[in-house]
Amino acid sequence: MEQLQSASNSQQYNQAASNLQAVQQLLESFKSYSRIAKIQQLQEQVSDIQGSLKKKILFDFEQGFSVSGEVSGNKRILADACKVVSILDNDFRYLFFFFPPSSLLNTT
């Protein structure tokens, strides 16, 4: 969990994607134990980190393209951010691909 948080905080989206996928798989295997306080706490932490990742990725994409649509940001960060997006929930993926990031920054 700490590695996921650290990768998220430092825009290491490639590492964040790997860590997030591992944590999601782990939580899925403990789904039947979701009434246990520690499992609930971990689920909440993951949810908070996912929310933070969403905001950071939207911001990076908002800043990463010029008005004309040309890439003006770090291409590697944007590419790695797409890996995280592919792991996040379906609703976010849909919004991310069909709406401009600026319209979503205040709604996530």
N, C-alpha and C. Protein backbone atom coordinates (compact mmCIF):
# COMPACT_ATOMS: atom_id res chain seq x y z
N MET A 1 0.83 -1.18 0.00
CA MET A 1 0.00 0.00 0.00
C MET A 1 0.88 1.25 0.00
N GLU A 2 1.95 1.22 0.76
CA GLU A 2 2.85 2.37 0.82
C GLU A 2 3.51 2.62 -0.54
N GLN A 3 3.86 1.54 -1.23
CA GLN A 3 4.47 1.68 -2.55
C GLN A 3 3.49 2.30 -3.53
N LEU A 4 2.23 1.91 -3.44
CA LEU A 4 1.20 2.48 -4.31
C LEU A 4 1.05 3.97 -4.02
N GLN A 5 0.98 4.33 -2.75
CA GLN A 5 0.84 5.73 -2.37
C GLN A 5 2.04 6.54 -2.84
N SER A 6 3.23 6.00 -2.63
CA SER A 6 4.45 6.69 -3.03
C SER A 6 4.50 6.89 -4.55
N ALA A 7 4.19 5.85 -5.29
CA ALA A 7 4.20 5.94 -6.76
C ALA A 7 3.16 6.95 -7.24
N SER A 8 2.02 6.97 -6.59
CA SER A 8 0.97 7.93 -6.94
C SER A 8 1.42 9.36 -6.68
N ASN A 9 2.03 9.58 -5.53
CA ASN A 9 2.46 10.92 -5.15
C ASN A 9 3.55 11.48 -6.05
N SER A 10 4.36 10.59 -6.61
CA SER A 10 5.52 11.04 -7.39
C SER A 10 5.34 10.87 -8.90
N GLN A 11 4.11 10.70 -9.35
CA GLN A 11 3.80 10.56 -10.77
C GLN A 11 4.52 9.38 -11.42
N GLN A 12 4.82 8.38 -10.67
CA GLN A 12 5.41 7.16 -11.22
C GLN A 12 4.26 6.23 -11.59
N TYR A 13 3.57 6.62 -12.66
CA TYR A 13 2.34 5.94 -13.03
C TYR A 13 2.56 4.50 -13.47
N ASN A 14 3.68 4.19 -14.06
CA ASN A 14 3.95 2.81 -14.46
C ASN A 14 3.98 1.92 -13.21
N GLN A 15 4.69 2.37 -12.19
CA GLN A 15 4.75 1.63 -10.93
C GLN A 15 3.39 1.63 -10.23
N ALA A 16 2.71 2.76 -10.27
CA ALA A 16 1.39 2.85 -9.65
C ALA A 16 0.41 1.87 -10.29
N ALA A 17 0.49 1.72 -11.60
CA ALA A 17 -0.39 0.79 -12.31
C ALA A 17 -0.15 -0.64 -11.83
N SER A 18 1.11 -1.02 -11.75
CA SER A 18 1.44 -2.37 -11.28
C SER A 18 0.98 -2.60 -9.84
N ASN A 19 1.26 -1.62 -9.00
CA ASN A 19 0.87 -1.74 -7.59
C ASN A 19 -0.64 -1.75 -7.42
N LEU A 20 -1.32 -0.89 -8.15
CA LEU A 20 -2.78 -0.83 -8.06
C LEU A 20 -3.41 -2.14 -8.49
N GLN A 21 -2.93 -2.69 -9.56
CA GLN A 21 -3.47 -3.96 -10.04
C GLN A 21 -3.26 -5.06 -9.00
N ALA A 22 -2.08 -5.11 -8.40
CA ALA A 22 -1.79 -6.12 -7.37
C ALA A 22 -2.70 -5.93 -6.15
N VAL A 23 -2.87 -4.69 -5.73
CA VAL A 23 -3.71 -4.42 -4.56
C VAL A 23 -5.16 -4.76 -4.86
N GLN A 24 -5.63 -4.43 -6.04
CA GLN A 24 -7.01 -4.76 -6.40
C GLN A 24 -7.23 -6.27 -6.41
N GLN A 25 -6.28 -7.02 -6.95
CA GLN A 25 -6.40 -8.48 -6.96
C GLN A 25 -6.39 -9.04 -5.54
N LEU A 26 -5.55 -8.48 -4.70
CA LEU A 26 -5.48 -8.91 -3.31
C LEU A 26 -6.80 -8.64 -2.59
N LEU A 27 -7.32 -7.44 -2.76
CA LEU A 27 -8.60 -7.09 -2.12
C LEU A 27 -9.74 -7.96 -2.66
N GLU A 28 -9.68 -8.30 -3.92
CA GLU A 28 -10.71 -9.17 -4.51
C GLU A 28 -10.70 -10.53 -3.82
N SER A 29 -9.52 -11.03 -3.52
CA SER A 29 -9.43 -12.34 -2.86
C SER A 29 -9.91 -12.29 -1.41
N PHE A 30 -9.94 -11.09 -0.82
CA PHE A 30 -10.42 -10.93 0.54
C PHE A 30 -11.85 -10.35 0.59
N LYS A 31 -12.52 -10.35 -0.54
CA LYS A 31 -13.84 -9.74 -0.63
C LYS A 31 -14.83 -10.34 0.37
N SER A 32 -14.76 -11.63 0.58
CA SER A 32 -15.70 -12.27 1.52
C SER A 32 -15.44 -11.87 2.98
N TYR A 33 -14.32 -11.20 3.22
CA TYR A 33 -13.97 -10.75 4.57
C TYR A 33 -14.15 -9.23 4.72
N SER A 34 -14.93 -8.64 3.85
CA SER A 34 -15.05 -7.18 3.81
C SER A 34 -15.70 -6.58 5.06
N ARG A 35 -16.25 -7.40 5.91
CA ARG A 35 -16.83 -6.87 7.16
C ARG A 35 -15.79 -6.67 8.25
N ILE A 36 -14.61 -7.19 8.02
CA ILE A 36 -13.53 -7.04 8.99
C ILE A 36 -12.98 -5.62 8.88
N ALA A 37 -12.80 -4.98 10.01
CA ALA A 37 -12.41 -3.57 10.05
C ALA A 37 -11.13 -3.28 9.27
N LYS A 38 -10.14 -4.12 9.40
CA LYS A 38 -8.86 -3.89 8.72
C LYS A 38 -9.03 -3.97 7.20
N ILE A 39 -9.85 -4.89 6.73
CA ILE A 39 -10.12 -5.01 5.29
C ILE A 39 -10.87 -3.77 4.81
N GLN A 40 -11.85 -3.31 5.59
CA GLN A 40 -12.58 -2.08 5.25
C GLN A 40 -11.64 -0.90 5.18
N GLN A 41 -10.73 -0.82 6.12
CA GLN A 41 -9.76 0.27 6.15
C GLN A 41 -8.88 0.24 4.89
N LEU A 42 -8.43 -0.93 4.51
CA LEU A 42 -7.61 -1.06 3.30
C LEU A 42 -8.41 -0.68 2.06
N GLN A 43 -9.67 -1.10 2.00
CA GLN A 43 -10.52 -0.73 0.87
C GLN A 43 -10.70 0.78 0.77
N GLU A 44 -10.86 1.42 1.91
CA GLU A 44 -11.00 2.88 1.93
C GLU A 44 -9.71 3.56 1.48
N GLN A 45 -8.58 3.04 1.92
CA GLN A 45 -7.29 3.60 1.51
C GLN A 45 -7.11 3.48 0.00
N VAL A 46 -7.44 2.33 -0.54
CA VAL A 46 -7.33 2.13 -1.99
C VAL A 46 -8.25 3.08 -2.72
N SER A 47 -9.46 3.24 -2.22
CA SER A 47 -10.41 4.16 -2.84
C SER A 47 -9.89 5.59 -2.82
N ASP A 48 -9.30 5.99 -1.71
CA ASP A 48 -8.72 7.34 -1.60
C ASP A 48 -7.57 7.52 -2.59
N ILE A 49 -6.71 6.51 -2.68
CA ILE A 49 -5.58 6.59 -3.60
C ILE A 49 -6.08 6.64 -5.04
N GLN A 50 -7.09 5.85 -5.35
CA GLN A 50 -7.66 5.88 -6.70
C GLN A 50 -8.23 7.26 -7.02
N GLY A 51 -8.92 7.87 -6.07
CA GLY A 51 -9.45 9.21 -6.28
C GLY A 51 -8.35 10.22 -6.53
N SER A 52 -7.28 10.10 -5.76
CA SER A 52 -6.12 10.98 -5.94
C SER A 52 -5.48 10.75 -7.31
N LEU A 53 -5.33 9.50 -7.70
CA LEU A 53 -4.76 9.19 -9.02
C LEU A 53 -5.61 9.79 -10.14
N LYS A 54 -6.90 9.66 -10.00
CA LYS A 54 -7.80 10.20 -11.03
C LYS A 54 -7.59 11.70 -11.20
N LYS A 55 -7.55 12.41 -10.09
CA LYS A 55 -7.36 13.87 -10.16
C LYS A 55 -6.01 14.23 -10.75
N LYS A 56 -4.97 13.53 -10.33
CA LYS A 56 -3.64 13.82 -10.84
C LYS A 56 -3.53 13.53 -12.33
N ILE A 57 -4.12 12.43 -12.75
CA ILE A 57 -4.07 12.07 -14.17
C ILE A 57 -4.86 13.07 -15.01
N LEU A 58 -6.02 13.45 -14.53
CA LEU A 58 -6.81 14.47 -15.27
C LEU A 58 -6.02 15.76 -15.39
N PHE A 59 -5.38 16.17 -14.30
CA PHE A 59 -4.58 17.39 -14.33
C PHE A 59 -3.42 17.24 -15.32
N ASP A 60 -2.74 16.11 -15.26
CA ASP A 60 -1.61 15.89 -16.17
C ASP A 60 -2.06 15.93 -17.63
N PHE A 61 -3.22 15.37 -17.93
CA PHE A 61 -3.71 15.41 -19.31
C PHE A 61 -4.19 16.80 -19.69
N GLU A 62 -4.76 17.51 -18.74
CA GLU A 62 -5.18 18.89 -19.01
C GLU A 62 -3.96 19.75 -19.35
N GLN A 63 -2.89 19.56 -18.60
CA GLN A 63 -1.66 20.33 -18.81
C GLN A 63 -0.81 19.76 -19.95
N GLY A 64 -1.05 18.51 -20.32
CA GLY A 64 -0.19 17.81 -21.27
C GLY A 64 -0.47 18.05 -22.73
N PHE A 65 -1.51 18.84 -23.02
CA PHE A 65 -1.85 19.10 -24.42
C PHE A 65 -2.10 20.59 -24.62
N SER A 66 -1.66 21.08 -25.76
CA SER A 66 -1.90 22.48 -26.09
C SER A 66 -3.34 22.64 -26.55
N VAL A 67 -3.74 23.87 -26.73
CA VAL A 67 -5.10 24.17 -27.20
C VAL A 67 -5.37 23.49 -28.54
N SER A 68 -4.34 23.39 -29.37
CA SER A 68 -4.51 22.77 -30.69
C SER A 68 -4.48 21.24 -30.63
N GLY A 69 -4.26 20.68 -29.43
CA GLY A 69 -4.28 19.24 -29.27
C GLY A 69 -2.92 18.57 -29.38
N GLU A 70 -1.87 19.36 -29.52
CA GLU A 70 -0.53 18.79 -29.59
C GLU A 70 -0.02 18.49 -28.19
N VAL A 71 0.78 17.43 -28.10
CA VAL A 71 1.36 17.06 -26.81
C VAL A 71 2.37 18.11 -26.38
N SER A 72 2.13 18.67 -25.21
CA SER A 72 3.06 19.67 -24.67
C SER A 72 3.66 19.20 -23.35
N GLY A 73 3.20 18.05 -22.88
CA GLY A 73 3.70 17.51 -21.62
C GLY A 73 4.65 16.36 -21.85
N ASN A 74 5.03 15.73 -20.77
CA ASN A 74 5.93 14.59 -20.81
C ASN A 74 5.18 13.38 -21.38
N LYS A 75 5.59 12.93 -22.54
CA LYS A 75 4.89 11.83 -23.21
C LYS A 75 4.94 10.55 -22.40
N ARG A 76 6.05 10.30 -21.72
CA ARG A 76 6.18 9.07 -20.91
C ARG A 76 5.19 9.10 -19.75
N ILE A 77 5.05 10.23 -19.09
CA ILE A 77 4.10 10.34 -17.98
C ILE A 77 2.68 10.12 -18.49
N LEU A 78 2.36 10.71 -19.62
CA LEU A 78 1.01 10.55 -20.16
C LEU A 78 0.75 9.10 -20.57
N ALA A 79 1.74 8.46 -21.19
CA ALA A 79 1.59 7.06 -21.59
C ALA A 79 1.42 6.16 -20.36
N ASP A 80 2.22 6.40 -19.34
CA ASP A 80 2.12 5.60 -18.13
C ASP A 80 0.81 5.87 -17.39
N ALA A 81 0.34 7.09 -17.46
CA ALA A 81 -0.95 7.43 -16.84
C ALA A 81 -2.08 6.63 -17.50
N CYS A 82 -1.96 6.37 -18.79
CA CYS A 82 -2.96 5.57 -19.49
C CYS A 82 -3.02 4.15 -18.93
N LYS A 83 -1.90 3.64 -18.46
CA LYS A 83 -1.87 2.31 -17.85
C LYS A 83 -2.71 2.30 -16.58
N VAL A 84 -2.62 3.38 -15.80
CA VAL A 84 -3.43 3.48 -14.59
C VAL A 84 -4.90 3.58 -14.95
N VAL A 85 -5.21 4.40 -15.94
CA VAL A 85 -6.60 4.57 -16.37
C VAL A 85 -7.20 3.23 -16.77
N SER A 86 -6.40 2.39 -17.43
CA SER A 86 -6.92 1.09 -17.87
C SER A 86 -7.27 0.17 -16.71
N ILE A 87 -6.73 0.45 -15.53
CA ILE A 87 -6.99 -0.38 -14.35
C ILE A 87 -8.12 0.19 -13.50
N LEU A 88 -8.36 1.48 -13.61
CA LEU A 88 -9.40 2.13 -12.80
C LEU A 88 -10.79 1.68 -13.25
N ASP A 89 -11.80 2.11 -12.52
CA ASP A 89 -13.16 1.66 -12.76
C ASP A 89 -13.68 2.08 -14.14
N ASN A 90 -14.66 1.32 -14.62
CA ASN A 90 -15.22 1.55 -15.95
C ASN A 90 -15.82 2.94 -16.13
N ASP A 91 -16.47 3.46 -15.10
CA ASP A 91 -17.08 4.78 -15.21
C ASP A 91 -16.03 5.85 -15.49
N PHE A 92 -14.92 5.77 -14.77
CA PHE A 92 -13.85 6.76 -14.98
C PHE A 92 -13.26 6.61 -16.37
N ARG A 93 -13.03 5.38 -16.80
CA ARG A 93 -12.46 5.16 -18.15
C ARG A 93 -13.37 5.77 -19.20
N TYR A 94 -14.66 5.56 -19.06
CA TYR A 94 -15.62 6.12 -20.02
C TYR A 94 -15.53 7.64 -20.03
N LEU A 95 -15.60 8.25 -18.86
CA LEU A 95 -15.53 9.72 -18.77
C LEU A 95 -14.20 10.24 -19.30
N PHE A 96 -13.12 9.56 -18.97
CA PHE A 96 -11.80 9.98 -19.37
C PHE A 96 -11.65 10.01 -20.89
N PHE A 97 -12.20 9.02 -21.56
CA PHE A 97 -12.01 8.94 -23.00
C PHE A 97 -13.02 9.75 -23.80
N PHE A 98 -14.15 10.11 -23.20
CA PHE A 98 -15.18 10.81 -23.96
C PHE A 98 -15.40 12.26 -23.57
N PHE A 99 -14.76 12.72 -22.51
CA PHE A 99 -14.92 14.11 -22.09
C PHE A 99 -13.55 14.74 -21.86
N PRO A 100 -13.42 16.01 -22.14
CA PRO A 100 -12.13 16.67 -21.91
C PRO A 100 -11.79 16.70 -20.42
N PRO A 101 -10.51 16.50 -20.09
CA PRO A 101 -10.12 16.48 -18.67
C PRO A 101 -10.57 17.70 -17.89
N SER A 102 -10.56 18.87 -18.52
CA SER A 102 -10.94 20.10 -17.80
C SER A 102 -12.38 20.02 -17.30
N SER A 103 -13.24 19.32 -18.03
CA SER A 103 -14.64 19.23 -17.61
C SER A 103 -14.82 18.25 -16.45
N LEU A 104 -13.82 17.41 -16.21
CA LEU A 104 -13.92 16.39 -15.16
C LEU A 104 -13.17 16.75 -13.89
N LEU A 105 -12.28 17.71 -13.96
CA LEU A 105 -11.43 18.01 -12.81
C LEU A 105 -12.23 18.38 -11.56
N ASN A 106 -13.34 19.02 -11.70
CA ASN A 106 -14.13 19.43 -10.54
C ASN A 106 -15.18 18.42 -10.14
N THR A 107 -15.26 17.29 -10.88
CA THR A 107 -16.31 16.33 -10.59
C THR A 107 -15.81 15.04 -9.98
N THR A 108 -14.49 14.81 -9.97
CA THR A 108 -13.98 13.54 -9.43
C THR A 108 -13.62 13.67 -7.97
